[in-house]
N, C-alpha and C. Protein backbone atom coordinates (compact mmCIF):
# COMPACT_ATOMS: atom_id res chain seq x y z
N UNK A 1 26.04 111.00 -4.77
CA UNK A 1 25.40 111.94 -3.88
C UNK A 1 24.58 111.15 -2.87
N UNK A 2 24.59 111.57 -1.62
CA UNK A 2 23.84 110.86 -0.60
C UNK A 2 22.35 111.14 -0.72
N UNK A 3 21.58 110.27 -0.10
CA UNK A 3 20.13 110.43 -0.18
C UNK A 3 19.66 111.73 0.46
N UNK A 4 20.32 112.12 1.56
CA UNK A 4 19.93 113.37 2.23
C UNK A 4 20.17 114.58 1.34
N UNK A 5 21.29 114.58 0.63
CA UNK A 5 21.60 115.71 -0.26
C UNK A 5 20.59 115.75 -1.40
N UNK A 6 20.25 114.57 -1.95
CA UNK A 6 19.24 114.53 -3.01
C UNK A 6 17.93 115.11 -2.52
N UNK A 7 17.53 114.74 -1.32
CA UNK A 7 16.26 115.22 -0.78
C UNK A 7 16.29 116.72 -0.54
N UNK A 8 17.40 117.23 0.00
CA UNK A 8 17.51 118.68 0.27
C UNK A 8 17.50 119.47 -1.04
N UNK A 9 18.28 119.01 -2.02
CA UNK A 9 18.30 119.70 -3.31
C UNK A 9 16.92 119.63 -3.97
N UNK A 10 16.25 118.51 -3.82
CA UNK A 10 14.92 118.35 -4.37
C UNK A 10 13.93 119.33 -3.76
N UNK A 11 13.96 119.45 -2.44
CA UNK A 11 13.05 120.39 -1.77
C UNK A 11 13.35 121.83 -2.19
N UNK A 12 14.64 122.15 -2.33
CA UNK A 12 15.01 123.51 -2.75
C UNK A 12 14.51 123.79 -4.16
N UNK A 13 14.70 122.84 -5.07
CA UNK A 13 14.23 123.03 -6.45
C UNK A 13 12.71 123.14 -6.50
N UNK A 14 12.02 122.35 -5.70
CA UNK A 14 10.56 122.45 -5.67
C UNK A 14 10.13 123.83 -5.20
N UNK A 15 10.78 124.32 -4.14
CA UNK A 15 10.41 125.63 -3.59
C UNK A 15 10.66 126.74 -4.61
N UNK A 16 11.83 126.74 -5.23
CA UNK A 16 12.15 127.77 -6.22
C UNK A 16 11.19 127.66 -7.41
N UNK A 17 10.90 126.44 -7.81
CA UNK A 17 9.96 126.23 -8.91
C UNK A 17 8.58 126.79 -8.61
N UNK A 18 8.13 126.56 -7.39
CA UNK A 18 6.82 127.08 -6.99
C UNK A 18 6.80 128.60 -6.98
N UNK A 19 7.89 129.22 -6.53
CA UNK A 19 7.97 130.68 -6.52
C UNK A 19 7.94 131.21 -7.96
N UNK A 20 8.72 130.58 -8.83
CA UNK A 20 8.73 131.01 -10.24
C UNK A 20 7.34 130.88 -10.86
N UNK A 21 6.65 129.79 -10.55
CA UNK A 21 5.29 129.62 -11.08
C UNK A 21 4.36 130.70 -10.57
N UNK A 22 4.48 131.01 -9.29
CA UNK A 22 3.63 132.06 -8.71
C UNK A 22 3.87 133.41 -9.36
N UNK A 23 5.13 133.74 -9.54
CA UNK A 23 5.46 135.02 -10.19
C UNK A 23 5.01 135.00 -11.65
N UNK A 24 5.23 133.87 -12.31
CA UNK A 24 4.80 133.74 -13.71
C UNK A 24 3.30 133.92 -13.86
N UNK A 25 2.55 133.32 -12.95
CA UNK A 25 1.09 133.46 -12.98
C UNK A 25 0.66 134.90 -12.70
N UNK A 26 1.31 135.51 -11.71
CA UNK A 26 0.93 136.87 -11.32
C UNK A 26 1.24 137.89 -12.41
N UNK A 27 2.27 137.62 -13.20
CA UNK A 27 2.68 138.58 -14.23
C UNK A 27 2.30 138.14 -15.64
N UNK A 28 1.53 137.07 -15.74
CA UNK A 28 1.15 136.50 -17.03
C UNK A 28 2.37 136.16 -17.89
N UNK A 29 3.42 135.68 -17.24
CA UNK A 29 4.65 135.31 -17.93
C UNK A 29 4.67 133.78 -18.09
N UNK A 30 4.22 133.32 -19.25
CA UNK A 30 4.13 131.88 -19.49
C UNK A 30 5.48 131.19 -19.45
N UNK A 31 6.52 131.87 -19.91
CA UNK A 31 7.85 131.27 -19.91
C UNK A 31 8.33 131.02 -18.48
N UNK A 32 8.17 132.00 -17.61
CA UNK A 32 8.59 131.85 -16.22
C UNK A 32 7.76 130.77 -15.53
N UNK A 33 6.48 130.73 -15.83
CA UNK A 33 5.61 129.71 -15.27
C UNK A 33 6.09 128.32 -15.69
N UNK A 34 6.43 128.15 -16.96
CA UNK A 34 6.91 126.87 -17.47
C UNK A 34 8.25 126.49 -16.85
N UNK A 35 9.14 127.47 -16.70
CA UNK A 35 10.43 127.21 -16.06
C UNK A 35 10.22 126.75 -14.62
N UNK A 36 9.29 127.38 -13.95
CA UNK A 36 8.98 127.01 -12.56
C UNK A 36 8.45 125.60 -12.47
N UNK A 37 7.57 125.24 -13.38
CA UNK A 37 7.01 123.88 -13.38
C UNK A 37 8.11 122.86 -13.63
N UNK A 38 9.00 123.16 -14.59
CA UNK A 38 10.11 122.25 -14.89
C UNK A 38 11.02 122.09 -13.68
N UNK A 39 11.31 123.18 -13.00
CA UNK A 39 12.18 123.11 -11.83
C UNK A 39 11.50 122.35 -10.70
N UNK A 40 10.20 122.55 -10.54
CA UNK A 40 9.46 121.81 -9.52
C UNK A 40 9.53 120.30 -9.80
N UNK A 41 9.33 119.92 -11.05
CA UNK A 41 9.39 118.50 -11.42
C UNK A 41 10.79 117.93 -11.21
N UNK A 42 11.81 118.73 -11.51
CA UNK A 42 13.19 118.30 -11.26
C UNK A 42 13.38 118.03 -9.76
N UNK A 43 12.84 118.90 -8.94
CA UNK A 43 12.94 118.72 -7.49
C UNK A 43 12.23 117.47 -7.01
N UNK A 44 11.07 117.21 -7.57
CA UNK A 44 10.33 115.99 -7.20
C UNK A 44 11.15 114.75 -7.58
N UNK A 45 11.79 114.79 -8.74
CA UNK A 45 12.61 113.66 -9.17
C UNK A 45 13.81 113.48 -8.24
N UNK A 46 14.42 114.58 -7.81
CA UNK A 46 15.56 114.49 -6.90
C UNK A 46 15.12 113.89 -5.56
N UNK A 47 13.98 114.33 -5.05
CA UNK A 47 13.49 113.78 -3.79
C UNK A 47 13.21 112.30 -3.92
N UNK A 48 12.61 111.89 -5.03
CA UNK A 48 12.32 110.48 -5.27
C UNK A 48 13.60 109.67 -5.33
N UNK A 49 14.63 110.23 -5.97
CA UNK A 49 15.93 109.56 -6.02
C UNK A 49 16.46 109.34 -4.61
N UNK A 50 16.36 110.33 -3.76
CA UNK A 50 16.79 110.19 -2.37
C UNK A 50 16.01 109.12 -1.64
N UNK A 51 14.70 109.05 -1.87
CA UNK A 51 13.87 108.02 -1.24
C UNK A 51 14.27 106.63 -1.71
N UNK A 52 14.55 106.50 -3.00
CA UNK A 52 14.95 105.20 -3.55
C UNK A 52 16.29 104.77 -2.95
N UNK A 53 17.21 105.71 -2.83
CA UNK A 53 18.51 105.39 -2.23
C UNK A 53 18.33 104.91 -0.79
N UNK A 54 17.45 105.58 -0.04
CA UNK A 54 17.18 105.16 1.33
C UNK A 54 16.62 103.74 1.36
N UNK A 55 15.68 103.47 0.47
CA UNK A 55 15.07 102.14 0.41
C UNK A 55 16.10 101.08 0.04
N UNK A 56 16.95 101.37 -0.91
CA UNK A 56 17.97 100.40 -1.33
C UNK A 56 18.95 100.15 -0.19
N UNK A 57 19.31 101.18 0.54
CA UNK A 57 20.23 101.01 1.66
C UNK A 57 19.59 100.17 2.73
N UNK A 58 18.32 100.41 2.99
CA UNK A 58 17.59 99.64 4.01
C UNK A 58 17.57 98.16 3.63
N UNK A 59 17.27 97.86 2.37
CA UNK A 59 17.26 96.47 1.91
C UNK A 59 18.65 95.85 2.02
N UNK A 60 19.66 96.60 1.59
CA UNK A 60 21.03 96.09 1.66
C UNK A 60 21.44 95.82 3.10
N UNK A 61 21.05 96.70 4.00
CA UNK A 61 21.37 96.50 5.42
C UNK A 61 20.68 95.25 5.97
N UNK A 62 19.45 95.02 5.56
CA UNK A 62 18.74 93.82 6.02
C UNK A 62 19.42 92.55 5.49
N UNK A 63 19.80 92.58 4.21
CA UNK A 63 20.42 91.40 3.59
C UNK A 63 21.76 91.09 4.26
N UNK A 64 22.51 92.13 4.58
CA UNK A 64 23.83 91.92 5.17
C UNK A 64 23.78 91.83 6.70
N UNK A 65 22.60 91.98 7.27
CA UNK A 65 22.43 91.83 8.71
C UNK A 65 22.86 93.05 9.51
N UNK A 66 22.93 94.20 8.88
CA UNK A 66 23.35 95.42 9.57
C UNK A 66 22.20 96.09 10.31
N UNK A 67 20.99 95.59 10.16
CA UNK A 67 19.85 96.21 10.81
C UNK A 67 19.58 95.57 12.14
C-alpha cells in the first residue's frame, strides 16, 4: 500500500473513531466508546506507517541520487 493510501485510511479511521467515541460518551455506551478509541488508535498507526514509508523513500532517493 502506498504511503498516501495509508495516510488517507488513517485519517478516515481516526475520524470515525472520534465520532464513535463522541456518541459513546453522549449515550453512556462504554463499548462504543472503547471501539471508537481502538479505531482512532488504528488510524494513528496507519498514518504513522505512511509517514515512515515517506521517510524511507526519501532516504532511498538520496542514497540512489534521485533527489
